[in-house]
Protein backbone atom coordinates (compact mmCIF):
# COMPACT_ATOMS: atom_id res chain seq x y z
CA UNK A 1 2.94 13.92 15.61
CA UNK A 2 1.06 17.13 16.00
CA UNK A 3 0.67 19.69 13.27
CA UNK A 4 0.46 17.34 10.30
CA UNK A 5 -0.91 20.06 8.02
CA UNK A 6 0.06 22.03 4.96
CA UNK A 7 -1.41 25.53 4.79
CA UNK A 8 -4.07 24.52 7.30
CA UNK A 9 -5.13 21.40 5.38
CA UNK A 10 -4.71 18.02 7.05
CA UNK A 11 -1.84 16.13 5.45
CA UNK A 12 -3.76 12.83 5.23
CA UNK A 13 -6.04 13.68 2.27
CA UNK A 14 -3.01 14.98 0.39
CA UNK A 15 -0.74 12.00 1.10
CA UNK A 16 -3.44 9.46 0.32
CA UNK A 17 -3.10 10.23 -3.38
CA UNK A 18 0.47 8.90 -3.43
CA UNK A 19 -0.72 5.67 -1.81
CA UNK A 20 -3.55 5.34 -4.34
CA UNK A 21 -1.12 5.78 -7.24
CA UNK A 22 1.98 3.90 -6.09
CA UNK A 23 0.19 0.94 -4.44
CA UNK A 24 -1.49 -0.33 -7.61
CA UNK A 25 1.50 0.62 -9.80
CA UNK A 26 3.82 -1.45 -7.63
CA UNK A 27 1.35 -4.33 -7.67
CA UNK A 28 1.05 -4.24 -11.47
CA UNK A 29 4.85 -4.13 -11.81
CA UNK A 30 5.09 -7.14 -9.47
CA UNK A 31 2.49 -9.06 -11.45
CA UNK A 32 4.40 -8.26 -14.65
CA UNK A 33 7.61 -9.39 -12.94
CA UNK A 34 6.04 -12.83 -12.54
CA UNK A 35 6.11 -13.27 -16.33
CA UNK A 36 9.53 -14.88 -16.95
CA UNK A 37 10.31 -12.98 -20.16
CA UNK A 38 9.57 -9.61 -18.45
CA UNK A 39 11.37 -10.44 -15.22
CA UNK A 40 14.73 -8.87 -16.15
CA UNK A 41 13.07 -5.68 -17.40
CA UNK A 42 10.77 -5.22 -14.42
CA UNK A 43 13.14 -6.16 -11.59
CA UNK A 44 14.26 -2.64 -10.65
CA UNK A 45 11.03 -0.80 -11.51
CA UNK A 46 9.18 -3.28 -9.29
CA UNK A 47 11.63 -2.82 -6.41
CA UNK A 48 11.54 0.98 -6.64
CA UNK A 49 7.74 1.09 -6.94
CA UNK A 50 7.36 -1.33 -4.02
CA UNK A 51 9.52 0.92 -1.83
CA UNK A 52 7.55 4.01 -2.92
CA UNK A 53 4.21 2.27 -2.37
CA UNK A 54 5.21 0.99 1.05
CA UNK A 55 6.46 4.42 2.09
CA UNK A 56 3.35 6.17 0.78
CA UNK A 57 0.99 3.75 2.51
CA UNK A 58 2.88 3.96 5.81
CA UNK A 59 2.77 7.76 5.68
CA UNK A 60 -0.94 7.70 4.73
CA UNK A 61 -1.62 5.42 7.69
CA UNK A 62 0.34 7.60 10.12
CA UNK A 63 -1.24 10.83 8.90
CA UNK A 64 -4.68 9.21 9.06
CA UNK A 65 -4.09 8.16 12.66
CA UNK A 66 -2.93 11.67 13.46
CA UNK A 67 -5.96 13.20 11.76
CA UNK A 68 -8.31 10.90 13.68
CA UNK A 69 -6.59 11.78 16.97
CA UNK A 70 -7.18 15.46 16.22
CA UNK A 71 -10.92 14.84 15.55
CA UNK A 72 -12.14 12.65 18.45
CA UNK A 73 -15.78 13.14 17.38
CA UNK A 74 -15.06 10.99 14.29
CA UNK A 75 -13.96 7.95 16.30
CA UNK A 76 -17.54 6.72 16.79
CA UNK A 77 -18.49 6.92 13.10
CA UNK A 78 -19.03 3.43 11.65
CA UNK A 79 -17.73 4.62 8.27
CA UNK A 80 -14.53 5.96 9.82
CA UNK A 81 -14.09 2.77 11.84
CA UNK A 82 -14.47 0.69 8.65
CA UNK A 83 -11.92 2.88 6.88
CA UNK A 84 -9.55 2.57 9.83
CA UNK A 85 -9.94 -1.23 9.88
CA UNK A 86 -9.24 -1.52 6.15
CA UNK A 87 -6.29 0.88 6.44
CA UNK A 88 -4.74 -1.34 9.11
CA UNK A 89 -5.14 -4.40 6.83
CA UNK A 90 -3.65 -2.44 3.93
CA UNK A 91 -0.70 -1.31 6.06
CA UNK A 92 0.29 -4.84 7.11
CA UNK A 93 -0.36 -6.31 3.67
CA UNK A 94 1.75 -3.62 2.03
CA UNK A 95 4.58 -4.11 4.50
CA UNK A 96 4.58 -7.83 3.66
CA UNK A 97 4.38 -7.02 -0.06
CA UNK A 98 7.33 -4.63 0.24
CA UNK A 99 9.45 -7.25 2.01
CA UNK A 100 8.59 -9.95 -0.55
CA UNK A 101 9.19 -7.58 -3.50
CA UNK A 102 12.60 -6.64 -2.10
CA UNK A 103 13.32 -10.32 -1.54
CA UNK A 104 12.29 -11.11 -5.11
CA UNK A 105 14.64 -8.43 -6.40
CA UNK A 106 17.45 -9.68 -4.16
CA UNK A 107 16.92 -13.33 -5.14
CA UNK A 108 16.25 -12.45 -8.77
CA UNK A 109 18.31 -15.25 -10.30
CA UNK A 110 17.07 -18.01 -7.98
CA UNK A 111 15.19 -20.93 -9.51
CA UNK A 112 13.38 -23.97 -8.24
CA UNK A 113 11.31 -24.06 -5.06
CA UNK A 114 12.61 -20.69 -3.84
CA UNK A 115 11.44 -18.99 -7.04
CA UNK A 116 8.03 -20.68 -6.87
CA UNK A 117 7.48 -19.62 -3.24
CA UNK A 118 8.57 -16.04 -3.94
CA UNK A 119 6.40 -15.82 -7.04
CA UNK A 120 3.31 -17.21 -5.30
CA UNK A 121 3.72 -14.86 -2.33
CA UNK A 122 4.43 -11.89 -4.59
CA UNK A 123 1.36 -12.59 -6.75
CA UNK A 124 -1.00 -13.06 -3.81
CA UNK A 125 0.28 -9.96 -2.00
CA UNK A 126 0.21 -7.82 -5.17
CA UNK A 127 -3.43 -8.71 -5.77
CA UNK A 128 -4.24 -8.10 -2.11
CA UNK A 129 -2.62 -4.65 -2.24
CA UNK A 130 -4.75 -3.64 -5.24
CA UNK A 131 -7.95 -4.90 -3.63
CA UNK A 132 -7.17 -3.27 -0.28
CA UNK A 133 -6.14 0.07 -1.81
CA UNK A 134 -9.48 0.21 -3.64
CA UNK A 135 -11.53 -0.94 -0.64
CA UNK A 136 -9.71 1.33 1.82
CA UNK A 137 -10.02 4.32 -0.49
CA UNK A 138 -13.68 3.58 -1.06
CA UNK A 139 -14.32 3.36 2.70
CA UNK A 140 -12.48 6.65 3.23
CA UNK A 141 -14.43 8.38 0.49
CA UNK A 142 -17.71 7.08 1.90
CA UNK A 143 -16.69 8.29 5.38
CA UNK A 144 -16.08 11.78 4.01
CA UNK A 145 -18.71 12.09 1.28
CA UNK A 146 -21.39 9.67 2.44
């Protein structure tokens, strides 16, 4: 995936902004979806935001990997390694969140044990996405700005 640039700027710092916006928005929509009286209103916004967040975070991860491959001198930086580690956790957590959010939308009218399991997973993963977006972004900013 060479040449991931726009007008000479690496694509990663540009794409990261979509991940920072859509990740928490999707998580907040999912947490709102857990409130039974808001569930019908937030079903589709949550699903759409979860897809956007997952896509944005996958693209941010891929462009970050590409950027790091193009700058081998950064691979030994402890700050970059911490950012990379957190990004990997964020990627897998967001993929799981996206799957559970889609499942919640698909099984929207389910009740009982299925609803409880979906709601618990969705709540835990939504909170984890918010925490990991903040921590990953913080590690990236510290790697760049010190």
